[in-house]
Amino acid sequence: MANAPVQRMSQLLAKTLRDDPADAEVLSHKLLVRAGYVRRTAAGVWTWLPLGKKVLANVERIVREEMDAIGAQEVLLPALLPREPYEATGRWDEYGPELFRLKDRKGGDYLLGPTHEEIFTLIVKDQASSYKDLPVILYQIQTKFRDEARPRAGILRGREFLMKDSYSFDLADEGLAQSYEAHRQAYQRVFERLGLDYRICAATAGAMGGSKSEEFLAPAAAGEDTFADCPKCDFAANTEAITYELKPVDAADVPAAEEIPTPDTPTIETLAASLGVPASATLKNLLVKVDGEIVAVGVPGDREVDMDKVEAHFSPAVVELVTAEDFVGRPDLVRGYVGPQGLEKVTYIADPRVAPGTAWITGANKEHTHAKNVVAGRDFEVDAYVDVVVVEEGDPCPNCGTGLKLDRAIEIGHIFQLGRKYADALKLDVLGQNGKPVRVTMGSYGIGVSRAVAALAEQSADEQGLCWPREVAPADVHVVAAGKALQTELALDVSEKLRAAGLRVLVDDRAGVSPGVKFTDAELIGVPQILVAGRRSAEGVLELKDRKTGEREELTVDEAIARLTA
């Protein structure tokens, strides 16, 4: 980066805008377009303009340096991939409509890679034959593709995005744990160098598979993930990954279940009002279809079912809500009055809050009738306990019981202990020290490179515009010539001296542009230091402004160079 030519705005392909784009929903989308960093090419597809490409390249550089530091080796895999490896692991179908599928002219099936576990596995299978070849960590920084149904939020949720994905290959689980921890520490260094505020949260594995999984989340109002943070202990988790211990209670004193007339009470709200009880005393039973088979989901009446958790539990099966037609020919299913007792050929899953021994008011499977004192484990059986409620602010911390706090965040990284899922599917073995085949164990680790740019914009911007940390900014200093020939001459002269001192310099030397517009653009573009050749240029005095703090001071040319290179 040092001694790069001075970038003159009179020659820069970057048109700033005064108004937000009409389709922009989040701050990063608005500012990255307005400041001339990106432009929309198609829905969810973006072009990186020169300033944006510099920021993107700086994020790549930091990621690359930290990956190299843990001994990872960089490769570059194709984005266009054959169907067969993904079919072998089941992900050709599991990915569903989000996978870009295409055929070549001969009818062969291909996809645009969303992740590359399968291909990395095959590379190691081809290149490694002995225990002496492992452990190894490989990584790439590559464009990924996802056919989003509704691309939105600018580069935060695109159909094409830049990602660093790395993969570790070890002989034993102990080695996998070490590779995982090396990545975990490397990610902390990456995000600290980027200047991001982040949390490490327990997460679900999803379509990736495997066991242990953690997310790196950047708190931001524009985030699509919700995470829970305990103010007392160190617990933090994506709300989709929070689980609670099943705690049975003694139901010896609960009377026998009893049906009660409840006319016109098909909802929890009407039932609770009619009986004068809190909604938490009732049992809500949501009916869904899993690959066409009806399943009932039981949760306390005052809680909502998290359909993402239900879908994750039954993945890769298709989950959908029942319709009126599904009640036809099913006398045991009475709409609005379903209870778990007496259900026929219906799998029943429940949240751990519906623990054995808990008593409920629930449907009696008869019109206008409910039942009270219905006890889990006595009057009905639960086929599986699954955490399926929507987590709410104040829910107890699973570790210490303190009320949880919820916040929105952007996922910027994710690490997985995959284990042998892909090695089993693709038969990745090496010869061990005893001459016998050893099945390799794997880890998968991703950083959203382009997404990190958006996260930085979301977290660091202010009312004036972007405000980049120095290490990722498109320049170290933005020199502004306030307008007159003398001021422009001084601005260009100091820019060259700063460049010679090793700084990256952006200089606004545009003719015919008012000082006000130049100052506004400098704030919008967000380089960390702004150096103005203004009213005291004839004296060789410049004004230095810190973009983040707003602090200003007047300095001579030599003082400015010394201050900026310190």
Protein backbone atom coordinates (compact mmCIF):
# COMPACT_ATOMS: atom_id res chain seq x y z
CA MET A 1 0.00 0.00 0.00
CA ALA A 2 2.87 2.39 0.78
CA ASN A 3 3.95 4.89 -1.89
CA ALA A 4 0.89 4.28 -4.04
CA PRO A 5 0.27 7.21 -6.42
CA VAL A 6 -1.78 10.09 -5.07
CA GLN A 7 -5.43 9.55 -6.05
CA ARG A 8 -6.80 12.77 -7.53
CA MET A 9 -10.55 13.19 -7.34
CA SER A 10 -10.48 15.08 -10.63
CA GLN A 11 -9.59 11.71 -12.20
CA LEU A 12 -11.50 9.39 -9.86
CA LEU A 13 -14.48 7.39 -11.09
CA ALA A 14 -16.70 8.20 -8.12
CA LYS A 15 -19.87 10.26 -8.30
CA THR A 16 -21.27 11.25 -4.93
CA LEU A 17 -25.00 11.72 -4.41
CA ARG A 18 -26.87 14.12 -2.12
CA ASP A 19 -29.96 11.93 -1.73
CA ASP A 20 -30.43 8.37 -0.58
CA PRO A 21 -31.25 5.75 -3.25
CA ALA A 22 -35.01 5.18 -3.42
CA ASP A 23 -34.67 1.45 -2.73
CA ALA A 24 -32.20 1.76 0.15
CA GLU A 25 -33.45 0.36 3.46
CA VAL A 26 -30.37 0.35 5.69
CA LEU A 27 -27.63 2.85 6.49
CA SER A 28 -24.76 1.01 4.79
CA HIS A 29 -26.76 0.69 1.56
CA LYS A 30 -27.52 4.42 1.54
CA LEU A 31 -24.01 5.62 2.34
CA LEU A 32 -21.98 3.20 0.21
CA VAL A 33 -24.02 4.25 -2.83
CA ARG A 34 -24.06 7.96 -2.00
CA ALA A 35 -20.31 8.05 -1.32
CA GLY A 36 -19.47 6.37 -4.64
CA TYR A 37 -18.25 3.03 -3.28
CA VAL A 38 -20.70 0.66 -5.00
CA ARG A 39 -23.39 0.67 -7.67
CA ARG A 40 -26.24 -1.78 -8.22
CA THR A 41 -25.93 -3.97 -11.32
CA ALA A 42 -28.99 -6.16 -10.77
CA ALA A 43 -31.11 -7.28 -7.82
CA GLY A 44 -28.60 -8.50 -5.24
CA VAL A 45 -25.62 -7.97 -7.58
CA TRP A 46 -23.20 -5.09 -7.00
CA THR A 47 -20.28 -3.42 -8.75
CA TRP A 48 -17.41 -2.22 -6.57
CA LEU A 49 -16.15 1.17 -7.75
CA PRO A 50 -12.53 2.27 -7.12
CA LEU A 51 -13.03 3.58 -3.56
CA GLY A 52 -15.10 0.54 -2.61
CA LYS A 53 -12.58 -1.85 -4.16
CA LYS A 54 -9.82 -0.30 -2.02
CA VAL A 55 -11.80 -0.91 1.17
CA LEU A 56 -12.70 -4.43 0.07
CA ALA A 57 -9.04 -5.15 -0.73
CA ASN A 58 -7.97 -3.90 2.69
CA VAL A 59 -10.40 -6.26 4.41
CA GLU A 60 -9.09 -9.10 2.21
CA ARG A 61 -5.51 -8.20 3.14
CA ILE A 62 -6.19 -8.33 6.87
CA VAL A 63 -8.02 -11.65 6.55
CA ARG A 64 -5.24 -13.08 4.40
CA GLU A 65 -2.50 -11.98 6.81
CA GLU A 66 -4.20 -13.58 9.81
CA MET A 67 -4.94 -16.81 7.92
CA ASP A 68 -1.33 -17.04 6.77
CA ALA A 69 -0.24 -16.46 10.39
CA ILE A 70 -1.87 -19.74 11.53
CA GLY A 71 -0.18 -21.68 8.74
CA ALA A 72 -3.15 -21.83 6.36
CA GLN A 73 -2.37 -22.20 2.65
CA GLU A 74 -4.29 -20.17 0.09
CA VAL A 75 -5.81 -21.77 -3.00
CA LEU A 76 -8.47 -20.67 -5.47
CA LEU A 77 -11.28 -23.00 -6.45
CA PRO A 78 -13.74 -22.51 -9.29
CA ALA A 79 -17.12 -20.92 -8.64
CA LEU A 80 -18.75 -23.18 -11.26
CA LEU A 81 -18.99 -26.64 -9.73
CA PRO A 82 -20.25 -30.08 -10.83
CA ARG A 83 -23.37 -31.61 -9.32
CA GLU A 84 -21.95 -34.99 -8.31
CA PRO A 85 -20.00 -34.06 -5.12
CA TYR A 86 -22.96 -32.10 -3.77
CA GLU A 87 -25.29 -34.95 -4.58
CA ALA A 88 -23.01 -37.33 -2.69
CA THR A 89 -23.37 -35.23 0.47
CA GLY A 90 -27.09 -34.61 -0.04
CA ARG A 91 -26.68 -30.84 -0.34
CA TRP A 92 -27.78 -30.69 -3.99
CA ASP A 93 -31.31 -31.15 -2.64
CA GLU A 94 -30.90 -29.79 0.89
CA TYR A 95 -30.00 -26.30 -0.30
CA GLY A 96 -33.37 -26.01 -2.02
CA PRO A 97 -34.21 -22.99 -4.18
CA GLU A 98 -31.32 -20.87 -2.84
CA LEU A 99 -28.86 -22.93 -4.90
CA PHE A 100 -28.05 -21.57 -8.35
CA ARG A 101 -28.36 -24.59 -10.66
CA LEU A 102 -27.55 -24.62 -14.37
CA LYS A 103 -26.88 -26.99 -17.26
CA ASP A 104 -24.13 -26.91 -19.84
CA ARG A 105 -24.80 -27.41 -23.54
CA LYS A 106 -24.47 -31.18 -23.13
CA GLY A 107 -27.09 -31.31 -20.38
CA GLY A 108 -24.63 -31.71 -17.50
CA ASP A 109 -25.73 -30.31 -14.14
CA TYR A 110 -23.66 -27.62 -12.43
CA LEU A 111 -24.06 -25.12 -9.61
CA LEU A 112 -22.60 -21.80 -8.56
CA GLY A 113 -20.84 -22.51 -5.27
CA PRO A 114 -22.50 -21.31 -2.05
CA THR A 115 -19.74 -23.02 -0.02
CA HIS A 116 -16.95 -25.40 -1.03
CA GLU A 117 -16.73 -28.18 1.57
CA GLU A 118 -17.15 -30.90 -1.03
CA ILE A 119 -14.52 -29.58 -3.43
CA PHE A 120 -11.94 -28.96 -0.71
CA THR A 121 -12.53 -32.50 0.54
CA LEU A 122 -11.86 -33.89 -2.94
CA ILE A 123 -8.68 -31.80 -3.29
CA VAL A 124 -7.28 -33.22 -0.07
CA LYS A 125 -8.39 -36.70 -1.11
CA ASP A 126 -6.38 -36.25 -4.31
CA GLN A 127 -3.30 -34.67 -2.67
CA ALA A 128 -3.02 -36.35 0.73
CA SER A 129 -2.50 -40.11 1.07
CA SER A 130 -0.61 -40.48 4.36
CA TYR A 131 -0.83 -39.28 7.94
CA LYS A 132 2.40 -37.42 7.14
CA ASP A 133 0.39 -35.10 4.85
CA LEU A 134 -1.82 -33.89 7.71
CA PRO A 135 -2.83 -31.71 9.44
CA VAL A 136 -3.44 -29.08 6.78
CA ILE A 137 -5.52 -25.91 6.58
CA LEU A 138 -6.56 -24.57 3.18
CA TYR A 139 -8.41 -21.35 2.42
CA GLN A 140 -9.62 -19.18 -0.39
CA ILE A 141 -11.19 -15.74 -0.87
CA GLN A 142 -13.80 -16.37 -3.50
CA THR A 143 -17.14 -15.15 -4.83
CA LYS A 144 -20.10 -17.16 -3.53
CA PHE A 145 -23.65 -17.32 -4.83
CA ARG A 146 -27.07 -17.64 -3.22
CA ASP A 147 -30.36 -17.25 -5.06
CA GLU A 148 -32.04 -14.99 -2.51
CA ALA A 149 -35.81 -14.75 -2.89
CA ARG A 150 -35.70 -11.05 -2.01
CA PRO A 151 -32.20 -9.56 -2.09
CA ARG A 152 -32.12 -6.49 0.13
CA ALA A 153 -30.03 -4.24 2.35
CA GLY A 154 -27.43 -3.57 -0.35
CA ILE A 155 -24.30 -5.70 -0.03
CA LEU A 156 -25.53 -7.14 3.28
CA ARG A 157 -27.89 -9.59 1.61
CA GLY A 158 -26.84 -10.13 -2.00
CA ARG A 159 -27.05 -12.98 -4.45
CA GLU A 160 -23.30 -12.72 -5.07
CA PHE A 161 -20.84 -11.98 -2.26
CA LEU A 162 -17.16 -12.28 -1.39
CA MET A 163 -16.21 -14.73 1.32
CA LYS A 164 -13.15 -16.23 2.91
CA ASP A 165 -13.73 -19.92 3.52
CA SER A 166 -11.13 -22.19 5.06
CA TYR A 167 -11.10 -25.87 5.92
CA SER A 168 -9.00 -27.88 8.34
CA PHE A 169 -8.15 -31.56 7.88
CA ASP A 170 -6.95 -33.55 10.89
CA LEU A 171 -6.39 -37.18 11.82
CA ALA A 172 -8.19 -37.03 15.18
CA ASP A 173 -10.79 -35.00 17.03
CA GLU A 174 -8.09 -33.52 19.26
CA GLY A 175 -6.44 -32.07 16.17
CA LEU A 176 -9.76 -30.69 14.97
CA ALA A 177 -10.23 -28.95 18.32
CA GLN A 178 -6.80 -27.31 17.93
CA SER A 179 -7.55 -26.17 14.36
CA TYR A 180 -10.90 -24.80 15.51
CA GLU A 181 -9.29 -22.84 18.34
CA ALA A 182 -6.59 -21.49 15.99
CA HIS A 183 -9.30 -20.15 13.71
CA ARG A 184 -11.28 -18.76 16.65
CA GLN A 185 -8.27 -16.74 17.79
CA ALA A 186 -7.41 -15.66 14.23
CA TYR A 187 -10.97 -14.39 13.76
CA GLN A 188 -10.71 -12.34 16.93
CA ARG A 189 -7.54 -10.72 15.60
CA VAL A 190 -9.20 -10.07 12.22
CA PHE A 191 -12.24 -8.34 13.66
CA GLU A 192 -10.18 -6.37 16.17
CA ARG A 193 -7.94 -5.11 13.38
CA LEU A 194 -10.99 -4.22 11.32
CA GLY A 195 -12.27 -2.15 14.22
CA LEU A 196 -15.54 -4.07 14.50
CA ASP A 197 -17.57 -4.43 17.68
CA TYR A 198 -18.47 -8.13 17.76
CA ARG A 199 -19.73 -10.97 19.93
CA ILE A 200 -18.87 -14.68 19.78
CA CYS A 201 -22.13 -16.60 20.07
CA ALA A 202 -23.12 -20.24 20.19
CA ALA A 203 -24.89 -21.15 16.96
CA THR A 204 -26.61 -23.95 15.07
CA ALA A 205 -24.84 -25.84 12.30
CA GLY A 206 -27.71 -25.66 9.78
CA ALA A 207 -27.06 -27.04 6.30
CA MET A 208 -23.32 -27.20 7.03
CA GLY A 209 -23.71 -30.08 9.44
CA GLY A 210 -21.28 -31.04 12.16
CA SER A 211 -21.25 -30.52 15.90
CA LYS A 212 -19.80 -27.42 17.59
CA SER A 213 -20.55 -24.12 15.90
CA GLU A 214 -20.04 -20.46 16.81
CA GLU A 215 -20.95 -17.21 15.09
CA PHE A 216 -19.17 -13.88 15.14
CA LEU A 217 -21.89 -11.25 15.22
CA ALA A 218 -21.55 -7.47 14.79
CA PRO A 219 -24.33 -5.67 16.69
CA ALA A 220 -26.20 -3.36 14.30
CA ALA A 221 -29.78 -2.22 13.81
CA ALA A 222 -29.65 -3.56 10.24
CA GLY A 223 -28.73 -7.08 11.40
CA GLU A 224 -30.88 -10.03 10.40
CA ASP A 225 -29.77 -12.22 13.31
CA THR A 226 -31.00 -11.86 16.88
CA PHE A 227 -28.64 -12.83 19.64
CA ALA A 228 -29.04 -13.10 23.38
CA ASP A 229 -26.47 -11.71 25.76
CA CYS A 230 -26.36 -12.34 29.51
CA PRO A 231 -25.48 -9.19 31.51
CA LYS A 232 -24.14 -11.28 34.41
CA CYS A 233 -22.16 -14.20 32.96
CA ASP A 234 -20.33 -14.72 29.66
CA PHE A 235 -23.23 -16.49 27.91
CA ALA A 236 -24.01 -15.31 24.37
CA ALA A 237 -25.87 -17.19 21.66
CA ASN A 238 -27.89 -16.78 18.54
CA THR A 239 -31.49 -17.14 19.67
CA GLU A 240 -31.85 -20.11 17.31
CA ALA A 241 -29.18 -21.96 19.32
CA ILE A 242 -30.48 -21.39 22.85
CA THR A 243 -31.53 -24.59 24.59
CA TYR A 244 -32.99 -25.21 28.02
CA GLU A 245 -32.70 -28.19 30.33
CA LEU A 246 -35.79 -30.36 30.68
CA LYS A 247 -36.99 -30.08 34.29
CA PRO A 248 -39.78 -32.56 35.18
CA VAL A 249 -42.10 -31.62 38.06
CA ASP A 250 -44.15 -33.69 40.48
CA ALA A 251 -47.79 -33.98 39.37
CA ALA A 252 -48.99 -36.28 42.17
CA ASP A 253 -51.44 -33.68 43.50
CA VAL A 254 -52.90 -32.67 40.14
CA PRO A 255 -56.53 -33.88 39.79
CA ALA A 256 -57.62 -35.99 36.85
CA ALA A 257 -58.09 -34.25 33.52
CA GLU A 258 -61.55 -32.74 33.15
CA GLU A 259 -63.39 -31.44 30.11
CA ILE A 260 -64.94 -27.98 30.42
CA PRO A 261 -67.35 -26.19 28.05
CA THR A 262 -65.69 -23.22 26.37
CA PRO A 263 -67.98 -21.94 23.61
CA ASP A 264 -66.49 -19.68 20.96
CA THR A 265 -62.90 -19.83 22.29
CA PRO A 266 -60.82 -21.04 19.32
CA THR A 267 -57.80 -18.85 20.19
CA ILE A 268 -55.54 -18.60 23.23
CA GLU A 269 -56.69 -15.01 23.79
CA THR A 270 -60.40 -15.85 23.83
CA LEU A 271 -59.83 -18.95 25.97
CA ALA A 272 -57.76 -17.11 28.60
CA ALA A 273 -60.30 -14.27 28.75
CA SER A 274 -63.23 -16.66 29.07
CA LEU A 275 -61.68 -18.66 31.92
CA GLY A 276 -59.98 -15.74 33.63
CA VAL A 277 -56.56 -17.38 33.51
CA PRO A 278 -53.22 -16.16 32.16
CA ALA A 279 -52.28 -17.35 28.69
CA SER A 280 -49.26 -19.06 30.28
CA ALA A 281 -51.62 -21.58 31.91
CA THR A 282 -52.79 -22.81 28.51
CA LEU A 283 -51.10 -25.13 26.04
CA LYS A 284 -50.88 -23.98 22.43
CA ASN A 285 -50.76 -26.77 19.83
CA LEU A 286 -49.62 -25.71 16.39
CA LEU A 287 -50.19 -28.17 13.55
CA VAL A 288 -47.65 -28.40 10.73
CA LYS A 289 -46.95 -30.83 7.92
CA VAL A 290 -43.52 -32.44 7.65
CA ASP A 291 -43.11 -33.95 4.20
CA GLY A 292 -46.91 -34.18 4.15
CA GLU A 293 -47.33 -35.86 7.56
CA ILE A 294 -49.10 -33.90 10.30
CA VAL A 295 -47.03 -33.01 13.36
CA ALA A 296 -48.24 -31.10 16.45
CA VAL A 297 -45.95 -28.59 18.19
CA GLY A 298 -46.75 -27.79 21.82
CA VAL A 299 -45.70 -24.56 23.58
CA PRO A 300 -47.09 -22.51 26.47
CA GLY A 301 -49.99 -20.35 25.35
CA ASP A 302 -48.16 -17.08 25.98
CA ARG A 303 -45.27 -18.00 23.66
CA GLU A 304 -44.89 -18.05 19.90
CA VAL A 305 -43.51 -20.96 17.89
CA ASP A 306 -40.23 -20.22 16.11
CA MET A 307 -40.77 -21.83 12.72
CA ASP A 308 -37.08 -21.57 11.88
CA LYS A 309 -36.32 -23.85 14.82
CA VAL A 310 -39.04 -26.29 13.78
CA GLU A 311 -37.67 -26.38 10.24
CA ALA A 312 -34.12 -26.84 11.52
CA HIS A 313 -35.23 -29.80 13.68
CA PHE A 314 -36.86 -31.59 10.76
CA SER A 315 -34.34 -30.54 8.08
CA PRO A 316 -34.03 -31.52 5.27
CA ALA A 317 -37.75 -32.40 5.31
CA VAL A 318 -40.16 -29.74 4.05
CA VAL A 319 -42.20 -28.08 6.82
CA GLU A 320 -45.41 -26.15 6.12
CA LEU A 321 -48.48 -25.05 8.04
CA VAL A 322 -51.65 -27.10 7.77
CA THR A 323 -54.61 -25.77 5.78
CA ALA A 324 -58.38 -26.22 6.19
CA GLU A 325 -58.24 -29.19 3.79
CA ASP A 326 -55.97 -31.09 6.20
CA PHE A 327 -58.78 -31.27 8.79
CA VAL A 328 -61.12 -33.08 6.38
CA GLY A 329 -61.51 -36.73 7.35
CA ARG A 330 -59.67 -36.21 10.63
CA PRO A 331 -62.24 -36.23 13.47
CA ASP A 332 -59.40 -36.19 16.02
CA LEU A 333 -58.31 -32.77 14.73
CA VAL A 334 -60.83 -30.09 15.66
CA ARG A 335 -59.72 -26.69 14.46
CA GLY A 336 -59.21 -24.30 17.37
CA TYR A 337 -59.68 -27.04 19.97
CA VAL A 338 -56.72 -29.39 19.39
CA GLY A 339 -55.18 -31.06 22.43
CA PRO A 340 -52.29 -33.53 22.62
CA GLN A 341 -54.38 -36.16 24.44
CA GLY A 342 -56.22 -38.45 22.07
CA LEU A 343 -54.38 -37.47 18.89
CA GLU A 344 -54.19 -40.31 16.38
CA LYS A 345 -51.16 -40.91 14.20
CA VAL A 346 -49.74 -37.48 14.97
CA THR A 347 -46.14 -36.96 16.09
CA TYR A 348 -46.09 -34.58 19.06
CA ILE A 349 -43.05 -32.43 19.81
CA ALA A 350 -42.97 -29.90 22.61
CA ASP A 351 -40.82 -27.17 24.07
CA PRO A 352 -38.98 -28.12 27.30
CA ARG A 353 -41.33 -25.78 29.15
CA VAL A 354 -43.97 -28.49 28.58
CA ALA A 355 -41.97 -30.77 30.87
CA PRO A 356 -43.25 -34.04 32.34
CA GLY A 357 -45.57 -33.28 35.24
CA THR A 358 -46.63 -29.82 34.06
CA ALA A 359 -50.41 -29.32 33.96
CA TRP A 360 -52.25 -27.40 31.28
CA ILE A 361 -55.53 -26.15 29.95
CA THR A 362 -55.72 -27.29 26.36
CA GLY A 363 -58.09 -28.34 23.62
CA ALA A 364 -60.29 -31.42 24.21
CA ASN A 365 -60.47 -32.28 20.49
CA LYS A 366 -64.17 -31.39 20.55
CA GLU A 367 -65.99 -28.29 19.29
CA HIS A 368 -66.29 -25.55 21.94
CA THR A 369 -64.61 -27.76 24.56
CA HIS A 370 -61.30 -27.63 26.39
CA ALA A 371 -59.78 -29.76 29.14
CA LYS A 372 -58.02 -28.72 32.34
CA ASN A 373 -55.49 -30.55 34.50
CA VAL A 374 -53.99 -32.16 31.41
CA VAL A 375 -50.57 -33.37 32.53
CA ALA A 376 -47.58 -34.02 30.29
CA GLY A 377 -46.38 -37.59 30.70
CA ARG A 378 -49.61 -38.68 32.37
CA ASP A 379 -52.37 -37.69 29.94
CA PHE A 380 -50.22 -37.40 26.83
CA GLU A 381 -46.74 -38.34 25.68
CA VAL A 382 -44.19 -36.11 24.01
CA ASP A 383 -42.30 -37.79 21.16
CA ALA A 384 -39.45 -35.30 21.28
CA TYR A 385 -38.52 -32.23 23.27
CA VAL A 386 -37.19 -29.41 21.11
CA ASP A 387 -36.55 -25.76 21.96
CA VAL A 388 -39.08 -24.21 19.59
CA VAL A 389 -40.31 -21.00 21.22
CA VAL A 390 -39.30 -17.55 20.07
CA VAL A 391 -36.77 -16.31 22.63
CA GLU A 392 -37.89 -13.12 24.36
CA GLU A 393 -36.12 -10.36 26.27
CA GLY A 394 -35.89 -11.38 29.91
CA ASP A 395 -35.93 -15.14 29.34
CA PRO A 396 -33.58 -16.78 31.86
CA CYS A 397 -29.96 -17.31 30.93
CA PRO A 398 -29.39 -21.08 30.52
CA ASN A 399 -26.20 -20.75 32.55
CA CYS A 400 -27.06 -18.49 35.50
CA GLY A 401 -30.77 -17.65 35.25
CA THR A 402 -30.33 -13.89 34.81
CA GLY A 403 -32.73 -12.25 32.36
CA LEU A 404 -31.27 -12.21 28.84
CA LYS A 405 -30.91 -9.09 26.72
CA LEU A 406 -31.65 -9.32 22.98
CA ASP A 407 -30.00 -7.37 20.19
CA ARG A 408 -29.86 -7.38 16.40
CA ALA A 409 -26.59 -8.23 14.68
CA ILE A 410 -24.90 -8.92 11.36
CA GLU A 411 -23.22 -12.31 10.98
CA ILE A 412 -19.63 -11.60 9.93
CA GLY A 413 -18.06 -14.99 10.63
CA HIS A 414 -18.99 -18.59 11.41
CA ILE A 415 -16.86 -21.52 12.49
CA PHE A 416 -17.86 -25.20 12.51
CA GLN A 417 -16.45 -28.47 13.74
CA LEU A 418 -17.76 -30.53 10.84
CA GLY A 419 -16.36 -33.84 12.01
CA ARG A 420 -16.54 -36.60 9.40
CA LYS A 421 -19.79 -35.74 7.59
CA TYR A 422 -18.07 -34.82 4.32
CA ALA A 423 -15.19 -37.24 4.73
CA ASP A 424 -17.72 -40.07 5.13
CA ALA A 425 -19.74 -39.00 2.11
CA LEU A 426 -16.68 -38.62 -0.13
CA LYS A 427 -14.56 -41.35 1.51
CA LEU A 428 -11.62 -39.20 2.57
CA ASP A 429 -9.10 -41.54 4.18
CA VAL A 430 -5.34 -41.50 4.62
CA LEU A 431 -3.01 -44.26 5.75
CA GLY A 432 -2.27 -44.02 9.47
CA GLN A 433 0.99 -44.78 11.23
CA ASN A 434 -0.08 -48.44 11.53
CA GLY A 435 -0.69 -48.70 7.79
CA LYS A 436 -4.48 -48.81 8.18
CA PRO A 437 -6.91 -46.26 6.70
CA VAL A 438 -7.88 -43.34 8.94
CA ARG A 439 -11.03 -41.33 8.25
CA VAL A 440 -10.13 -37.61 8.26
CA THR A 441 -12.02 -35.10 10.44
CA MET A 442 -12.77 -31.59 9.19
CA GLY A 443 -13.57 -28.04 10.24
CA SER A 444 -15.13 -25.27 8.16
CA TYR A 445 -14.61 -21.55 8.81
CA GLY A 446 -16.09 -18.57 6.99
CA ILE A 447 -15.72 -14.78 7.03
CA GLY A 448 -18.03 -12.58 5.00
CA VAL A 449 -15.49 -10.22 3.41
CA SER A 450 -17.94 -8.00 1.52
CA ARG A 451 -20.39 -8.27 4.43
CA ALA A 452 -17.68 -7.00 6.80
CA VAL A 453 -17.50 -3.81 4.73
CA ALA A 454 -21.23 -3.27 5.23
CA ALA A 455 -20.96 -4.08 8.95
CA LEU A 456 -18.18 -1.52 9.34
CA ALA A 457 -20.29 1.08 7.55
CA GLU A 458 -23.26 0.30 9.81
CA GLN A 459 -21.23 0.55 13.02
CA SER A 460 -18.94 3.49 12.28
CA ALA A 461 -21.06 5.91 10.23
CA ASP A 462 -22.47 9.13 11.67
CA GLU A 463 -24.85 11.84 10.48
CA GLN A 464 -22.30 13.19 8.00
CA GLY A 465 -21.45 9.90 6.32
CA LEU A 466 -18.97 7.03 6.48
CA CYS A 467 -16.15 7.01 9.01
CA TRP A 468 -13.66 4.22 8.30
CA PRO A 469 -11.03 2.85 10.69
CA ARG A 470 -7.62 3.68 9.27
CA GLU A 471 -6.58 0.14 8.38
CA VAL A 472 -9.54 -0.41 6.04
CA ALA A 473 -10.07 3.16 4.77
CA PRO A 474 -9.48 3.84 1.05
CA ALA A 475 -6.78 6.36 2.04
CA ASP A 476 -4.96 7.53 5.16
CA VAL A 477 -5.64 11.19 4.54
CA HIS A 478 -8.10 13.15 2.37
CA VAL A 479 -6.52 16.44 1.27
CA VAL A 480 -9.00 19.13 0.25
CA ALA A 481 -8.09 22.12 -1.90
CA ALA A 482 -10.62 24.79 -0.89
CA GLY A 483 -10.76 26.24 -4.39
CA LYS A 484 -8.24 28.87 -5.44
CA ALA A 485 -5.15 28.14 -7.51
CA LEU A 486 -2.81 28.75 -4.58
CA GLN A 487 -4.78 26.38 -2.40
CA THR A 488 -4.82 23.70 -5.10
CA GLU A 489 -1.07 24.08 -5.59
CA LEU A 490 -0.45 23.67 -1.86
CA ALA A 491 -2.83 20.69 -1.65
CA LEU A 492 -1.06 18.87 -4.48
CA ASP A 493 2.36 19.66 -3.05
CA VAL A 494 1.55 18.38 0.44
CA SER A 495 -0.16 15.33 -1.08
CA GLU A 496 3.07 14.33 -2.83
CA LYS A 497 5.05 14.84 0.35
CA LEU A 498 2.61 12.70 2.30
CA ARG A 499 2.83 10.03 -0.39
CA ALA A 500 6.61 10.09 -0.22
CA ALA A 501 6.33 9.63 3.55
CA GLY A 502 4.45 6.38 2.96
CA LEU A 503 0.84 7.50 3.32
CA ARG A 504 -2.08 6.71 1.01
CA VAL A 505 -3.50 10.02 -0.18
CA LEU A 506 -6.78 11.08 -1.74
CA VAL A 507 -6.76 14.73 -2.85
CA ASP A 508 -9.80 16.74 -3.93
CA ASP A 509 -8.38 18.89 -6.70
CA ARG A 510 -11.63 19.24 -8.66
CA ALA A 511 -11.97 22.56 -10.44
CA GLY A 512 -15.30 24.34 -10.43
CA VAL A 513 -16.52 22.56 -7.32
CA SER A 514 -17.37 24.75 -4.32
CA PRO A 515 -15.52 24.33 -1.02
CA GLY A 516 -18.82 23.43 0.64
CA VAL A 517 -19.38 20.49 -1.71
CA LYS A 518 -15.79 19.33 -1.22
CA PHE A 519 -16.10 19.43 2.56
CA THR A 520 -19.43 17.58 2.43
CA ASP A 521 -17.93 14.92 0.17
CA ALA A 522 -14.93 14.52 2.46
CA GLU A 523 -17.26 13.85 5.40
CA LEU A 524 -19.36 11.47 3.29
CA ILE A 525 -16.39 9.46 1.95
CA GLY A 526 -15.10 8.97 5.48
CA VAL A 527 -11.27 8.90 5.27
CA PRO A 528 -10.06 9.14 8.91
CA GLN A 529 -8.02 12.35 8.50
CA ILE A 530 -9.03 15.41 6.45
CA LEU A 531 -6.36 17.98 5.63
CA VAL A 532 -7.63 21.30 4.22
CA ALA A 533 -5.65 23.82 2.21
CA GLY A 534 -7.84 26.82 2.93
CA ARG A 535 -7.71 30.47 3.95
CA ARG A 536 -4.15 30.37 5.36
CA SER A 537 -2.59 28.61 2.38
CA ALA A 538 -0.47 31.65 1.55
CA GLU A 539 1.19 31.22 4.95
CA GLY A 540 1.73 27.51 4.35
CA VAL A 541 -0.77 26.64 7.11
CA LEU A 542 -3.29 23.81 6.79
CA GLU A 543 -6.22 22.64 8.89
CA LEU A 544 -6.23 19.00 10.04
CA LYS A 545 -9.55 17.48 11.07
CA ASP A 546 -10.08 14.12 12.70
CA ARG A 547 -13.08 12.64 10.88
CA LYS A 548 -14.30 10.64 13.88
CA THR A 549 -13.89 13.11 16.73
CA GLY A 550 -14.29 16.33 14.74
CA GLU A 551 -11.21 17.81 16.43
CA ARG A 552 -9.41 20.46 14.35
CA GLU A 553 -5.99 22.08 14.52
CA GLU A 554 -3.91 24.36 12.31
CA LEU A 555 -0.50 23.05 11.30
CA THR A 556 2.34 23.94 8.98
CA VAL A 557 3.10 21.53 6.16
CA ASP A 558 5.99 19.96 8.08
CA GLU A 559 3.89 19.71 11.26
CA ALA A 560 1.02 18.09 9.35
CA ILE A 561 3.33 15.50 7.79
CA ALA A 562 4.91 14.75 11.16
CA ARG A 563 1.50 14.41 12.83
CA LEU A 564 0.06 12.14 10.12
CA THR A 565 3.11 9.87 9.96
CA ALA A 566 3.55 9.57 13.73
